[in-house]
Protein backbone atom coordinates (compact mmCIF):
# COMPACT_ATOMS: atom_id res chain seq x y z
CA MET A 1 17.66 8.98 3.41
CA ALA A 2 15.69 9.43 0.20
CA THR A 3 16.92 6.06 -1.06
CA VAL A 4 15.68 4.28 2.06
CA GLU A 5 12.32 6.00 1.75
CA ALA A 6 12.08 4.97 -1.91
CA ILE A 7 12.89 1.35 -1.06
CA ILE A 8 10.29 1.39 1.72
CA ALA A 9 7.66 2.74 -0.70
CA VAL A 10 8.45 -0.05 -3.18
CA LEU A 11 8.27 -2.64 -0.40
CA TRP A 12 4.84 -1.41 0.74
CA ASP A 13 3.62 -1.62 -2.87
CA ALA A 14 5.06 -5.12 -3.22
CA ILE A 15 3.39 -6.21 0.02
CA ALA A 16 0.05 -4.79 -1.09
CA PHE A 17 0.33 -6.58 -4.44
CA GLY A 18 1.45 -9.85 -2.85
CA ARG A 19 -1.47 -9.80 -0.44
CA THR A 20 -3.87 -9.70 -3.39
CA ARG A 21 -2.20 -12.82 -4.80
CA LEU A 22 -2.12 -14.70 -1.50
CA VAL A 23 -5.17 -16.95 -1.66
CA ARG A 24 -5.48 -19.91 0.67
CA PRO A 25 -5.24 -23.09 -1.31
CA GLY A 26 -8.37 -25.12 -1.53
CA ASN A 27 -8.91 -28.15 -3.67
CA THR A 28 -7.98 -26.15 -6.76
CA GLY A 29 -4.27 -26.96 -6.73
CA ARG A 30 -3.15 -23.48 -5.72
CA THR A 31 -0.73 -24.73 -3.08
CA GLU A 32 2.34 -23.78 -5.13
CA ALA A 33 1.11 -20.23 -5.75
CA TYR A 34 0.20 -19.82 -2.09
CA THR A 35 3.62 -21.06 -0.97
CA PHE A 36 5.35 -18.79 -3.49
CA TRP A 37 3.53 -15.63 -2.40
CA LEU A 38 3.80 -16.47 1.28
CA GLY A 39 7.56 -16.78 0.91
CA ARG A 40 7.79 -13.53 -1.04
CA LEU A 41 5.74 -11.65 1.52
CA GLN A 42 7.92 -12.97 4.34
CA VAL A 43 11.01 -11.63 2.57
CA PHE A 44 9.37 -8.26 1.84
CA VAL A 45 8.34 -7.84 5.48
CA GLU A 46 11.81 -8.84 6.71
CA VAL A 47 13.52 -6.31 4.44
CA LEU A 48 10.94 -3.67 5.38
CA SER A 49 11.64 -4.20 9.08
CA ARG A 50 15.35 -3.64 8.43
CA MET A 51 14.70 -0.47 6.43
CA VAL A 52 12.20 1.17 8.78
CA VAL A 53 14.73 1.38 11.61
CA ARG A 54 16.94 3.51 9.35
CA LEU A 55 14.33 6.29 9.23
CA SER A 56 14.20 9.26 11.58
CA GLY A 57 12.39 8.75 14.89
CA GLN A 58 8.90 9.89 13.92
CA GLU A 59 9.05 8.29 10.48
CA ALA A 60 10.19 4.99 12.00
CA ILE A 61 7.34 5.07 14.50
CA ALA A 62 4.85 5.79 11.69
CA GLY A 63 6.26 2.91 9.63
CA LEU A 64 6.00 0.50 12.53
CA ARG A 65 2.46 1.60 13.28
CA ARG A 66 1.49 1.08 9.66
CA ALA A 67 2.78 -2.49 9.85
CA THR A 68 0.43 -3.41 12.68
């Protein structure tokens, strides 16, 4: 279970970092960066959702609550 918990911790860090990079594109030509980070965040959240259900009951509930 320690491996799953380590992966989840890395995913939360990656999501936090990605959110800082996710800036709505304006007229500054940031559409590619926005699309890149949006896609990455979608993958991180998908993998996170698959990992959280592998935790024990209370830990899974805490992980799901954190995601909301």
